[in-house]
Amino acid sequence: MGSARSPGNLPRLRLDELLDELQGRIDTVRGTQGRVHSLLEAVLSVGRELDLSHVLRRIVEAAVVLVDAEYGALGVIGEDQRLAEFLTVGVDAGQTEAIGALPSGHGILGELIRHPEPLRLAELSEHPASYGFPEGHPPMHSFLGVPIRVRDEVFGNLYLTEKRSGKEFDDEDVTVLSTLAVAAGVAIENARLYEEARHRQRWLEANAEVTQGLLSGADETRVLGLIVGHARRLLAADLGVLTLPVEGTAELRVALADGIDAEAHRGLVLSRQGSFAGAAFLGSRAVTSGDVEHDPRITRGPKRWTGLGPAVAVPMRTGEGVQGVLSLARAAGSPPFTPTETDLLLGFAGQAALAMKLAERRRDAEQVALLEDRDRIARDLHDLAIQRLFAAGMTLQSTMRFVHHPEGAERLSRVVDDLDDTIKIIRSTIFGLRSHEAGPTARGLRVRAAKTVEEAVTALGFTPSLRTEGLVDTEVPGAVADDVVAVLAEALSNVARHARAGGAEISLVVGSGRLTVTVTDDGVGVPEGGRRSGLRNLAERAVQRGGELAVEAPEGGGTRLVWSVPLRRD
């Protein structure tokens, strides 16, 4: 038998070796083509997303597949150069719970933050920056990390561990992952721009709603609630507080508070010195705090920031100065307010302040027009109606001497008296129309009663009718008028709280030396066993004036309250 390596077998062996080498190169090319194809698919998959959280998740999922890693993570770097967010792939819920708190950027993870260059290790534990894993952490050996840059700034890092083949990560893995990181940076930038555009759109919509509410004459408290509510919702705040300056003082009044422990803020009057809102008001700029509960700028007032951490206060500025301060706070341990969030809030507060100022000027213009109209009506009543009535009365008086029948003369006399009373009523009305320039306590009872009814509309849910008879403004003394206003306020408050009414009628009648106030509603009547301290107070007011209070149940249902006092005591 010839040798296996006889001269006749050498060409065949050489051919087999060449074929094997060719097959290996074909497999390598196919593998490279397949990996390039996978990389392209990963880039397209990441680029299709617009939601930032989805983009980040897609990036780390694609990275794990591309380099055949067991575990992957993406760490987002915060403003303090620590990890503000950490997304993982390959670690199940049980392992996550066993590990505990997510890393903040120490050890190997921090190495990439300090030195944003690709880092490849065969054994994690051998690196000088490594100090081991927490209890419950899965074992990891091989490691590959690359930074993700957005506009030349490091956004975060990709961390891959445990190559499934048991081998080390190689240079090709570094190249593939670095290429993915470049595409990821573009996708993140697009997602951030899209998110910012959507965010600004929501702020614009909030501004539009606030402006529309203010300029349409809506209740100011409701609109202030819209300002605080929109700001809280758009910036995920746990507490919102709006403070307004107290005219003529160095104090701020909390006009509205909403959220965690809002009751601790409502109704407070704070010094501009020594308060968080005051710092923004006096500085006319935004102020932030990482821990508002222990902020050294808060030195006055009751304790009111318990359990809260990050906070921001922005002035509501117009060209005429600061109109108020809008403050937001998040629960302790929450992320701080970013400069972008603060700028958006500052712009929103400025737009709201401008809308408030425009609404105030519009109300002033409407008030001026109303007062001018009242003056015109008063002049017309005086110059036209009274003069004609007076002339008619004089004519009737002169006619009486031609009437010889006693009954006819008596009737003419009653008509003349009625005309005199009518003239007095009109003069009282003119006095009420022109009393707008006086202070609230100097205004006529008609105006004060109408104002009291108007203030009760929000609580009632409807507008009661108001009727006056007689010389309400001229015959009712000021002290009695004060009692009438208090009676009306208490009666309407009772209707709002207890009656469940859909309507109410109010009458103020002056006649025969008495003033009678009647409030009738169509509600459920006076509840049995209910508190009657308010009615007792009204009765005492009547008794002190020599009058009486009666609470009746009309035949059609509801309640009728009658408060009557003499206008002149004997």
Protein backbone atom coordinates (compact mmCIF):
# COMPACT_ATOMS: atom_id res chain seq x y z
CA MET A 1 0.00 0.00 0.00
CA GLY A 2 1.20 3.46 -0.82
CA SER A 3 1.64 6.23 1.71
CA ALA A 4 -1.34 8.53 2.45
CA ARG A 5 0.86 11.41 1.42
CA SER A 6 2.06 9.92 -1.78
CA PRO A 7 2.79 12.34 -4.58
CA GLY A 8 -0.56 11.39 -6.20
CA ASN A 9 -2.58 12.54 -3.16
CA LEU A 10 -0.91 15.94 -2.65
CA PRO A 11 -2.93 17.89 -5.25
CA ARG A 12 -6.17 16.56 -3.76
CA LEU A 13 -5.21 17.59 -0.21
CA ARG A 14 -4.24 21.02 -1.40
CA LEU A 15 -7.60 21.41 -3.15
CA ASP A 16 -9.53 20.42 0.02
CA GLU A 17 -7.63 22.99 2.03
CA LEU A 18 -8.40 25.68 -0.52
CA LEU A 19 -12.08 24.73 -0.56
CA ASP A 20 -12.23 24.82 3.25
CA GLU A 21 -10.56 28.23 3.30
CA LEU A 22 -12.95 29.49 0.62
CA GLN A 23 -15.95 28.19 2.57
CA GLY A 24 -14.69 29.92 5.71
CA ARG A 25 -14.34 33.21 3.88
CA ILE A 26 -17.80 32.82 2.37
CA ASP A 27 -19.21 32.18 5.85
CA THR A 28 -17.38 35.24 7.17
CA VAL A 29 -18.75 37.40 4.37
CA ARG A 30 -22.23 36.02 4.94
CA GLY A 31 -21.90 36.64 8.67
CA THR A 32 -20.69 40.18 8.06
CA GLN A 33 -23.51 40.81 5.58
CA GLY A 34 -26.01 39.42 8.07
CA ARG A 35 -24.64 41.60 10.85
CA VAL A 36 -24.68 44.69 8.64
CA HIS A 37 -28.24 43.85 7.69
CA SER A 38 -29.16 43.48 11.38
CA LEU A 39 -27.47 46.78 12.16
CA LEU A 40 -29.41 48.55 9.43
CA GLU A 41 -32.64 47.03 10.69
CA ALA A 42 -31.80 48.16 14.21
CA VAL A 43 -31.05 51.70 13.04
CA LEU A 44 -34.34 51.86 11.12
CA SER A 45 -36.26 50.42 14.05
CA VAL A 46 -34.83 52.96 16.47
CA GLY A 47 -35.36 55.85 14.04
CA ARG A 48 -39.03 55.07 13.51
CA GLU A 49 -39.95 55.85 17.12
CA LEU A 50 -40.83 59.38 18.26
CA ASP A 51 -41.68 58.75 21.90
CA LEU A 52 -38.43 59.20 23.86
CA SER A 53 -39.08 56.39 26.35
CA HIS A 54 -39.81 53.99 23.48
CA VAL A 55 -36.68 55.13 21.63
CA LEU A 56 -34.48 54.41 24.65
CA ARG A 57 -36.04 50.98 25.13
CA ARG A 58 -35.56 50.11 21.44
CA ILE A 59 -31.90 51.17 21.56
CA VAL A 60 -30.92 48.88 24.41
CA GLU A 61 -32.97 45.97 22.97
CA ALA A 62 -31.26 46.34 19.59
CA ALA A 63 -27.82 46.58 21.20
CA VAL A 64 -28.27 43.28 23.07
CA VAL A 65 -29.20 41.49 19.83
CA LEU A 66 -26.42 43.02 17.73
CA VAL A 67 -23.53 41.99 19.99
CA ASP A 68 -25.21 38.80 21.29
CA ALA A 69 -25.12 39.93 24.93
CA GLU A 70 -26.98 38.35 27.84
CA TYR A 71 -27.62 41.68 29.60
CA GLY A 72 -27.92 45.27 28.42
CA ALA A 73 -28.62 48.64 29.95
CA LEU A 74 -28.87 52.27 28.95
CA GLY A 75 -27.99 54.90 31.53
CA VAL A 76 -29.16 58.47 31.02
CA ILE A 77 -26.80 61.04 32.56
CA GLY A 78 -28.42 63.79 34.63
CA GLU A 79 -27.30 67.37 35.21
CA ASP A 80 -25.31 66.30 38.27
CA GLN A 81 -23.26 63.86 36.14
CA ARG A 82 -24.95 60.89 37.74
CA LEU A 83 -27.36 58.40 36.24
CA ALA A 84 -30.84 59.93 36.22
CA GLU A 85 -32.45 56.97 34.44
CA PHE A 86 -31.41 53.34 33.98
CA LEU A 87 -33.18 50.96 31.56
CA THR A 88 -32.25 47.26 31.60
CA VAL A 89 -32.77 44.23 29.34
CA GLY A 90 -32.24 40.63 30.45
CA VAL A 91 -32.80 41.24 34.17
CA ASP A 92 -36.19 39.90 35.24
CA ALA A 93 -38.51 41.46 37.83
CA GLY A 94 -37.35 39.13 40.60
CA GLN A 95 -33.69 39.96 40.04
CA THR A 96 -34.50 43.68 39.87
CA GLU A 97 -36.28 43.50 43.22
CA ALA A 98 -33.39 41.54 44.75
CA ILE A 99 -30.83 44.07 43.51
CA GLY A 100 -32.71 46.99 45.04
CA ALA A 101 -32.05 50.60 44.11
CA LEU A 102 -30.88 51.24 40.57
CA PRO A 103 -27.25 52.36 40.13
CA SER A 104 -26.44 56.05 40.23
CA GLY A 105 -23.12 56.00 38.38
CA HIS A 106 -20.36 54.55 40.55
CA GLY A 107 -17.78 51.89 39.65
CA ILE A 108 -17.49 50.82 36.03
CA LEU A 109 -20.68 52.66 35.11
CA GLY A 110 -19.17 55.88 36.39
CA GLU A 111 -15.94 55.21 34.51
CA LEU A 112 -17.77 55.77 31.21
CA ILE A 113 -19.34 58.94 32.58
CA ARG A 114 -15.94 60.31 33.55
CA HIS A 115 -14.25 59.05 30.36
CA PRO A 116 -16.84 58.89 27.54
CA GLU A 117 -14.93 56.50 25.26
CA PRO A 118 -15.67 52.86 24.28
CA LEU A 119 -14.60 50.49 27.05
CA ARG A 120 -14.12 46.72 26.48
CA LEU A 121 -13.21 44.32 29.29
CA ALA A 122 -12.66 40.59 29.36
CA GLU A 123 -13.30 40.51 33.13
CA LEU A 124 -15.23 43.21 34.92
CA SER A 125 -13.80 42.46 38.34
CA GLU A 126 -10.21 43.10 37.21
CA HIS A 127 -10.77 46.77 36.37
CA PRO A 128 -9.51 49.18 39.07
CA ALA A 129 -12.87 51.02 39.16
CA SER A 130 -14.84 47.84 39.86
CA TYR A 131 -15.93 47.16 43.43
CA GLY A 132 -18.26 44.20 42.95
CA PHE A 133 -21.99 43.70 42.62
CA PRO A 134 -24.79 44.06 45.18
CA GLU A 135 -26.37 40.95 46.66
CA GLY A 136 -28.82 39.31 44.26
CA HIS A 137 -27.07 40.70 41.17
CA PRO A 138 -26.54 38.11 38.37
CA PRO A 139 -22.87 37.23 37.70
CA MET A 140 -21.22 39.24 34.91
CA HIS A 141 -17.77 38.97 33.38
CA SER A 142 -17.26 40.32 29.86
CA PHE A 143 -18.23 43.96 29.37
CA LEU A 144 -18.63 46.47 26.56
CA GLY A 145 -19.69 50.08 27.00
CA VAL A 146 -20.03 52.97 24.54
CA PRO A 147 -21.26 56.56 25.00
CA ILE A 148 -24.28 57.99 23.18
CA ARG A 149 -23.80 61.57 22.06
CA VAL A 150 -26.50 64.05 21.11
CA ARG A 151 -25.15 67.16 19.41
CA ASP A 152 -21.64 66.53 20.72
CA GLU A 153 -22.90 66.20 24.30
CA VAL A 154 -22.95 62.87 26.08
CA PHE A 155 -26.58 61.89 26.66
CA GLY A 156 -25.90 58.53 28.25
CA ASN A 157 -24.08 55.22 27.88
CA LEU A 158 -24.83 51.74 26.56
CA TYR A 159 -23.64 48.92 28.84
CA LEU A 160 -23.49 45.29 27.55
CA THR A 161 -22.32 42.27 29.55
CA GLU A 162 -21.95 38.50 29.19
CA LYS A 163 -21.48 37.64 25.51
CA ARG A 164 -23.61 34.52 24.96
CA SER A 165 -20.90 32.58 23.13
CA GLY A 166 -18.74 32.73 26.24
CA LYS A 167 -16.11 34.69 24.33
CA GLU A 168 -14.98 38.24 24.82
CA PHE A 169 -16.47 41.18 22.99
CA ASP A 170 -14.26 41.96 20.01
CA ASP A 171 -13.36 45.00 17.92
CA GLU A 172 -16.20 44.27 15.53
CA ASP A 173 -18.64 44.41 18.45
CA VAL A 174 -17.20 47.79 19.40
CA THR A 175 -17.63 49.05 15.83
CA VAL A 176 -21.22 47.77 15.55
CA LEU A 177 -22.23 49.18 18.94
CA SER A 178 -20.56 52.53 18.24
CA THR A 179 -22.43 52.75 14.93
CA LEU A 180 -25.70 52.02 16.71
CA ALA A 181 -24.84 54.70 19.30
CA VAL A 182 -24.45 57.31 16.53
CA ALA A 183 -27.85 56.38 15.08
CA ALA A 184 -29.29 56.35 18.60
CA GLY A 185 -28.08 59.91 19.18
CA VAL A 186 -29.93 61.10 16.07
CA ALA A 187 -33.09 59.19 17.08
CA ILE A 188 -32.94 60.60 20.62
CA GLU A 189 -32.54 64.14 19.31
CA ASN A 190 -35.54 63.70 17.00
CA ALA A 191 -37.63 62.25 19.83
CA ARG A 192 -36.63 65.11 22.14
CA LEU A 193 -37.53 67.71 19.52
CA TYR A 194 -40.86 66.00 18.93
CA GLU A 195 -41.52 65.77 22.66
CA GLU A 196 -40.59 69.42 23.13
CA ALA A 197 -42.93 70.45 20.29
CA ARG A 198 -45.78 68.47 21.83
CA HIS A 199 -45.00 69.94 25.23
CA ARG A 200 -45.03 73.49 23.89
CA GLN A 201 -48.31 72.75 22.13
CA ARG A 202 -49.85 71.69 25.44
CA TRP A 203 -48.57 74.89 27.07
CA LEU A 204 -50.08 76.96 24.24
CA GLU A 205 -53.42 75.21 24.68
CA ALA A 206 -53.31 75.86 28.42
CA ASN A 207 -52.49 79.53 27.80
CA ALA A 208 -55.37 79.82 25.35
CA GLU A 209 -57.85 78.34 27.84
CA VAL A 210 -56.70 80.64 30.63
CA THR A 211 -56.81 83.73 28.39
CA GLN A 212 -60.25 82.84 27.06
CA GLY A 213 -61.55 82.30 30.59
CA LEU A 214 -60.23 85.63 31.85
CA LEU A 215 -61.34 87.71 28.88
CA SER A 216 -64.78 86.08 28.72
CA GLY A 217 -65.55 87.29 32.22
CA ALA A 218 -65.51 83.84 33.86
CA ASP A 219 -65.26 83.59 37.63
CA GLU A 220 -61.72 84.64 38.57
CA THR A 221 -61.32 81.88 41.17
CA ARG A 222 -62.09 79.26 38.52
CA VAL A 223 -59.55 80.79 36.13
CA LEU A 224 -56.88 80.94 38.83
CA GLY A 225 -57.62 77.25 39.40
CA LEU A 226 -57.03 76.64 35.70
CA ILE A 227 -53.62 78.35 35.91
CA VAL A 228 -52.50 76.22 38.85
CA GLY A 229 -54.10 73.04 37.51
CA HIS A 230 -52.50 73.27 34.06
CA ALA A 231 -49.08 74.04 35.54
CA ARG A 232 -49.32 71.07 37.93
CA ARG A 233 -50.44 68.69 35.18
CA LEU A 234 -47.89 69.74 32.57
CA LEU A 235 -44.93 69.60 34.97
CA ALA A 236 -46.12 66.61 37.06
CA ALA A 237 -46.07 68.65 40.28
CA ASP A 238 -47.67 67.47 43.52
CA LEU A 239 -48.54 70.95 44.82
CA GLY A 240 -49.38 74.23 43.12
CA VAL A 241 -49.71 77.59 44.91
CA LEU A 242 -50.64 80.96 43.43
CA THR A 243 -49.93 84.06 45.52
CA LEU A 244 -50.97 87.64 44.79
CA PRO A 245 -49.63 90.87 46.30
CA VAL A 246 -51.68 92.61 48.96
CA GLU A 247 -52.08 96.16 47.73
CA GLY A 248 -50.38 98.79 49.86
CA THR A 249 -48.43 96.25 51.94
CA ALA A 250 -45.25 94.18 51.73
CA GLU A 251 -47.23 90.93 51.92
CA LEU A 252 -48.43 88.19 49.60
CA ARG A 253 -51.80 86.47 49.89
CA VAL A 254 -52.28 82.82 48.87
CA ALA A 255 -55.13 83.13 46.38
CA LEU A 256 -55.27 79.44 45.51
CA ALA A 257 -53.53 76.20 46.49
CA ASP A 258 -54.08 72.74 45.04
CA GLY A 259 -52.46 69.36 45.72
CA ILE A 260 -50.63 67.76 48.63
CA ASP A 261 -51.31 69.57 51.94
CA ALA A 262 -52.93 72.47 50.07
CA GLU A 263 -54.90 73.30 53.23
CA ALA A 264 -51.65 74.32 54.93
CA HIS A 265 -51.27 77.10 52.34
CA ARG A 266 -54.81 78.31 51.72
CA GLY A 267 -55.65 81.69 53.17
CA LEU A 268 -52.09 82.47 54.29
CA VAL A 269 -50.78 86.02 54.18
CA LEU A 270 -47.00 85.88 53.88
CA SER A 271 -44.23 88.39 54.14
CA ARG A 272 -42.30 88.90 50.92
CA GLN A 273 -39.15 88.60 53.00
CA GLY A 274 -38.60 85.09 54.31
CA SER A 275 -40.90 83.18 51.95
CA PHE A 276 -40.20 81.07 48.87
CA ALA A 277 -42.73 82.95 46.72
CA GLY A 278 -41.41 86.24 48.10
CA ALA A 279 -37.92 85.44 46.81
CA ALA A 280 -39.33 85.13 43.27
CA PHE A 281 -41.48 88.25 43.72
CA LEU A 282 -38.68 90.48 45.03
CA GLY A 283 -36.09 89.17 42.57
CA SER A 284 -38.54 89.21 39.64
CA ARG A 285 -36.98 85.93 38.47
CA ALA A 286 -37.50 82.21 38.79
CA VAL A 287 -36.13 80.53 41.92
CA THR A 288 -35.66 76.80 42.40
CA SER A 289 -34.98 74.54 45.36
CA GLY A 290 -33.90 70.93 45.62
CA ASP A 291 -35.44 70.58 49.10
CA VAL A 292 -38.07 73.23 49.74
CA GLU A 293 -38.97 71.75 53.14
CA HIS A 294 -35.55 72.78 54.44
CA ASP A 295 -34.88 75.75 52.14
CA PRO A 296 -32.95 78.43 54.08
CA ARG A 297 -34.84 81.23 52.33
CA ILE A 298 -38.06 80.22 54.14
CA THR A 299 -37.76 81.83 57.56
CA ARG A 300 -41.28 83.09 58.29
CA GLY A 301 -44.79 81.74 58.45
CA PRO A 302 -46.15 78.36 59.59
CA LYS A 303 -44.60 75.06 58.55
CA ARG A 304 -46.19 74.15 55.23
CA TRP A 305 -43.78 72.24 52.96
CA THR A 306 -43.60 68.91 54.83
CA GLY A 307 -42.81 65.94 52.59
CA LEU A 308 -41.94 68.07 49.56
CA GLY A 309 -38.57 68.33 47.84
CA PRO A 310 -37.93 69.95 44.45
CA ALA A 311 -39.74 73.26 44.00
CA VAL A 312 -39.84 76.21 41.62
CA ALA A 313 -41.43 79.66 41.94
CA VAL A 314 -41.81 82.00 38.98
CA PRO A 315 -42.99 85.63 38.93
CA MET A 316 -46.09 86.49 36.89
CA ARG A 317 -44.58 89.49 35.16
CA THR A 318 -46.03 92.15 32.87
CA GLY A 319 -44.61 95.45 31.69
CA GLU A 320 -46.10 97.05 34.82
CA GLY A 321 -44.31 94.74 37.25
CA VAL A 322 -44.90 91.45 39.05
CA GLN A 323 -48.61 90.61 39.35
CA GLY A 324 -48.16 87.45 41.43
CA VAL A 325 -46.10 84.29 41.90
CA LEU A 326 -46.82 80.74 40.72
CA SER A 327 -45.09 78.04 42.78
CA LEU A 328 -44.89 74.29 42.15
CA ALA A 329 -43.41 71.51 44.29
CA ARG A 330 -42.85 67.78 43.92
CA ALA A 331 -42.71 65.13 46.58
CA ALA A 332 -39.33 64.52 48.23
CA GLY A 333 -37.19 62.19 46.13
CA SER A 334 -38.73 63.33 42.83
CA PRO A 335 -36.56 64.67 40.01
CA PRO A 336 -35.79 68.40 40.19
CA PHE A 337 -37.31 70.95 37.84
CA THR A 338 -35.07 71.32 34.80
CA PRO A 339 -34.10 74.68 33.26
CA THR A 340 -36.32 73.87 30.28
CA GLU A 341 -39.31 73.21 32.55
CA THR A 342 -38.61 76.39 34.48
CA ASP A 343 -38.45 78.46 31.28
CA LEU A 344 -41.75 77.01 30.05
CA LEU A 345 -43.40 77.73 33.40
CA LEU A 346 -42.02 81.27 33.40
CA GLY A 347 -43.47 81.92 29.95
CA PHE A 348 -46.82 80.42 30.96
CA ALA A 349 -46.97 82.54 34.12
CA GLY A 350 -46.12 85.67 32.12
CA GLN A 351 -48.89 84.98 29.61
CA ALA A 352 -51.35 84.33 32.45
CA ALA A 353 -50.34 87.60 34.15
CA LEU A 354 -50.82 89.50 30.89
CA ALA A 355 -54.27 87.94 30.45
CA MET A 356 -55.16 88.86 34.05
CA LYS A 357 -54.09 92.46 33.41
CA LEU A 358 -56.06 92.67 30.17
CA ALA A 359 -59.12 91.19 31.90
CA GLU A 360 -58.74 93.76 34.69
CA ARG A 361 -58.59 96.62 32.19
CA ARG A 362 -61.56 95.21 30.34
CA ARG A 363 -63.55 95.04 33.57
CA ASP A 364 -62.53 98.62 34.37
CA ALA A 365 -63.66 99.76 30.91
CA GLU A 366 -66.96 97.92 31.30
CA GLN A 367 -67.40 99.42 34.76
CA VAL A 368 -66.74 102.92 33.41
CA ALA A 369 -69.26 102.33 30.62
CA LEU A 370 -71.79 101.03 33.16
CA LEU A 371 -71.28 104.00 35.46
CA GLU A 372 -71.56 106.45 32.56
CA ASP A 373 -74.78 104.73 31.55
CA ARG A 374 -76.07 105.00 35.11
CA ASP A 375 -75.25 108.70 35.14
CA ARG A 376 -77.13 109.18 31.86
CA ILE A 377 -80.14 107.30 33.21
CA ALA A 378 -80.04 109.34 36.40
CA ARG A 379 -79.91 112.59 34.42
CA ASP A 380 -82.78 111.49 32.20
CA LEU A 381 -84.86 110.47 35.19
CA HIS A 382 -84.21 113.78 36.88
CA ASP A 383 -84.52 116.03 33.87
CA LEU A 384 -87.39 114.27 32.13
CA ALA A 385 -89.38 111.86 34.28
CA ILE A 386 -89.42 113.84 37.55
CA GLN A 387 -90.15 117.13 35.83
CA ARG A 388 -93.06 115.66 33.89
CA LEU A 389 -94.46 113.93 36.97
CA PHE A 390 -94.09 117.13 38.96
CA ALA A 391 -95.87 119.06 36.21
CA ALA A 392 -98.63 116.45 36.13
CA GLY A 393 -99.06 116.73 39.90
CA MET A 394 -99.26 120.53 39.73
CA THR A 395 -101.86 120.29 36.98
CA LEU A 396 -103.97 117.88 39.01
CA GLN A 397 -103.71 120.08 42.07
CA SER A 398 -104.89 123.10 40.09
CA THR A 399 -107.70 120.99 38.63
CA MET A 400 -109.02 120.01 42.04
CA ARG A 401 -110.69 123.41 42.56
CA PHE A 402 -112.92 122.75 39.56
CA VAL A 403 -114.08 119.41 40.98
CA HIS A 404 -117.06 119.87 43.27
CA HIS A 405 -117.89 116.23 43.90
CA PRO A 406 -116.25 115.14 47.21
CA GLU A 407 -115.37 111.64 45.99
CA GLY A 408 -113.78 113.00 42.81
CA ALA A 409 -111.72 115.49 44.78
CA GLU A 410 -110.57 112.74 47.14
CA ARG A 411 -109.49 110.57 44.24
CA LEU A 412 -107.54 113.41 42.67
CA SER A 413 -105.87 114.02 46.02
CA ARG A 414 -104.80 110.36 46.24
CA VAL A 415 -103.37 110.53 42.70
CA VAL A 416 -101.37 113.63 43.63
CA ASP A 417 -100.04 111.82 46.72
CA ASP A 418 -99.13 108.81 44.60
CA LEU A 419 -97.28 111.05 42.19
CA ASP A 420 -95.36 112.57 45.11
CA ASP A 421 -94.43 109.10 46.33
CA THR A 422 -93.37 108.13 42.81
CA ILE A 423 -91.13 111.19 42.61
CA LYS A 424 -89.54 110.20 45.92
CA ILE A 425 -88.94 106.64 44.64
CA ILE A 426 -87.33 107.94 41.46
CA ARG A 427 -85.14 110.31 43.44
CA SER A 428 -84.12 107.37 45.65
CA THR A 429 -83.26 105.40 42.52
CA ILE A 430 -81.19 108.29 41.19
CA PHE A 431 -79.36 108.44 44.51
CA GLY A 432 -78.61 104.71 44.21
CA LEU A 433 -77.39 105.04 40.65
CA ARG A 434 -75.03 107.86 41.58
CA SER A 435 -73.74 106.32 44.80
CA HIS A 436 -71.15 104.15 42.98
CA GLU A 437 -68.39 106.62 43.75
CA ALA A 438 -68.85 106.22 47.50
CA GLY A 439 -67.36 103.43 49.58
CA PRO A 440 -69.23 100.15 50.08
CA THR A 441 -70.76 101.15 53.40
CA ALA A 442 -71.90 104.51 52.00
CA ARG A 443 -73.74 103.00 49.04
CA GLY A 444 -77.50 102.75 49.02
CA LEU A 445 -79.21 99.62 50.30
CA ARG A 446 -80.38 98.71 46.78
CA VAL A 447 -76.78 98.49 45.52
CA ARG A 448 -75.56 96.65 48.62
CA ALA A 449 -78.41 94.15 48.44
CA ALA A 450 -77.76 93.52 44.75
CA LYS A 451 -74.05 93.02 45.49
CA THR A 452 -74.85 90.52 48.27
CA VAL A 453 -77.13 88.55 45.95
CA GLU A 454 -74.45 88.58 43.22
CA GLU A 455 -71.83 87.21 45.61
CA ALA A 456 -74.12 84.30 46.54
CA VAL A 457 -74.72 83.17 42.95
CA THR A 458 -71.68 80.87 42.79
CA ALA A 459 -72.69 78.94 45.92
CA LEU A 460 -76.38 78.83 44.95
CA GLY A 461 -75.92 77.74 41.35
CA PHE A 462 -78.62 80.16 40.17
CA THR A 463 -79.39 83.88 40.31
CA PRO A 464 -82.22 84.86 42.71
CA SER A 465 -84.65 87.61 41.73
CA LEU A 466 -84.48 90.84 43.74
CA ARG A 467 -87.42 93.27 44.09
CA THR A 468 -87.44 96.53 46.06
CA GLU A 469 -90.40 98.74 46.97
CA GLY A 470 -90.49 102.09 48.68
CA LEU A 471 -87.74 104.50 49.67
CA VAL A 472 -85.17 101.79 50.35
CA ASP A 473 -82.14 104.04 49.94
CA THR A 474 -83.40 107.13 51.77
CA GLU A 475 -85.67 105.81 54.54
CA VAL A 476 -83.49 102.97 55.88
CA PRO A 477 -80.82 104.12 58.41
CA GLY A 478 -77.27 102.94 57.88
CA ALA A 479 -77.22 100.63 60.92
CA VAL A 480 -80.45 98.94 59.80
CA ALA A 481 -79.05 98.64 56.26
CA ASP A 482 -76.02 96.84 57.70
CA ASP A 483 -78.39 94.39 59.41
CA VAL A 484 -80.29 93.85 56.15
CA VAL A 485 -77.08 92.96 54.31
CA ALA A 486 -76.17 90.48 57.07
CA VAL A 487 -79.68 88.98 57.00
CA LEU A 488 -79.56 88.52 53.23
CA ALA A 489 -76.10 86.92 53.36
CA GLU A 490 -77.12 84.47 56.09
CA ALA A 491 -80.46 83.61 54.44
CA LEU A 492 -78.86 82.94 51.05
CA SER A 493 -76.10 80.92 52.71
CA ASN A 494 -78.77 78.72 54.33
CA VAL A 495 -80.49 78.27 50.96
CA ALA A 496 -77.19 77.24 49.35
CA ARG A 497 -76.22 74.79 52.12
CA HIS A 498 -79.52 73.20 53.10
CA ALA A 499 -82.41 73.96 50.76
CA ARG A 500 -81.30 72.19 47.56
CA ALA A 501 -83.33 74.87 45.80
CA GLY A 502 -83.54 75.69 42.13
CA GLY A 503 -84.68 79.28 42.58
CA ALA A 504 -85.28 82.02 45.12
CA GLU A 505 -87.07 85.38 45.33
CA ILE A 506 -86.02 88.30 47.50
CA SER A 507 -88.01 91.41 48.29
CA LEU A 508 -87.13 94.55 50.27
CA VAL A 509 -90.21 96.60 51.06
CA VAL A 510 -90.32 99.94 52.85
CA GLY A 511 -93.78 101.12 53.81
CA SER A 512 -95.91 102.24 56.76
CA GLY A 513 -92.78 102.90 58.79
CA ARG A 514 -91.42 99.35 58.52
CA LEU A 515 -88.79 97.51 56.51
CA THR A 516 -89.62 93.94 55.56
CA VAL A 517 -87.09 91.55 54.04
CA THR A 518 -88.56 88.38 52.52
CA VAL A 519 -86.50 85.48 51.14
CA THR A 520 -88.51 82.66 49.52
CA ASP A 521 -86.98 79.49 48.00
CA ASP A 522 -88.44 76.39 46.31
CA GLY A 523 -86.24 73.91 48.19
CA VAL A 524 -86.91 71.11 50.65
CA GLY A 525 -87.78 73.30 53.63
CA VAL A 526 -86.06 73.71 56.98
CA PRO A 527 -84.58 70.31 58.03
CA GLU A 528 -85.80 68.84 61.31
CA GLY A 529 -83.16 68.87 64.03
CA GLY A 530 -80.77 70.94 61.91
CA ARG A 531 -78.50 73.62 63.32
CA ARG A 532 -80.39 76.90 63.85
CA SER A 533 -77.61 79.17 65.11
CA GLY A 534 -77.85 81.28 61.95
CA LEU A 535 -81.62 81.77 62.32
CA ARG A 536 -81.16 82.54 65.99
CA ASN A 537 -78.72 85.32 65.07
CA LEU A 538 -81.22 86.78 62.60
CA ALA A 539 -83.95 86.70 65.23
CA GLU A 540 -81.70 88.49 67.71
CA ARG A 541 -80.95 91.20 65.16
CA ALA A 542 -84.70 91.71 64.62
CA VAL A 543 -85.47 91.82 68.36
CA GLN A 544 -82.72 94.40 68.94
CA ARG A 545 -84.49 96.61 66.38
CA GLY A 546 -87.92 96.00 67.88
CA GLY A 547 -88.92 93.66 65.07
CA GLU A 548 -89.41 89.96 64.53
CA LEU A 549 -88.32 87.00 62.39
CA ALA A 550 -90.72 84.45 60.95
CA VAL A 551 -89.84 81.25 59.07
CA GLU A 552 -92.79 79.84 57.15
CA ALA A 553 -93.56 76.89 54.89
CA PRO A 554 -95.52 78.12 51.83
CA GLU A 555 -98.27 75.93 50.39
CA GLY A 556 -96.26 75.17 47.26
CA GLY A 557 -93.25 73.96 49.28
CA GLY A 558 -89.93 75.49 50.13
CA THR A 559 -89.24 78.07 52.81
CA ARG A 560 -90.19 81.70 53.34
CA LEU A 561 -88.08 83.81 55.71
CA VAL A 562 -89.61 87.15 56.76
CA TRP A 563 -87.46 89.64 58.70
CA SER A 564 -89.30 92.82 59.64
CA VAL A 565 -88.26 95.83 61.76
CA PRO A 566 -89.71 99.29 62.38
CA LEU A 567 -87.80 102.18 60.88
CA ARG A 568 -88.67 104.57 63.71
CA ARG A 569 -88.85 103.38 67.29
CA ASP A 570 -91.60 104.97 69.45
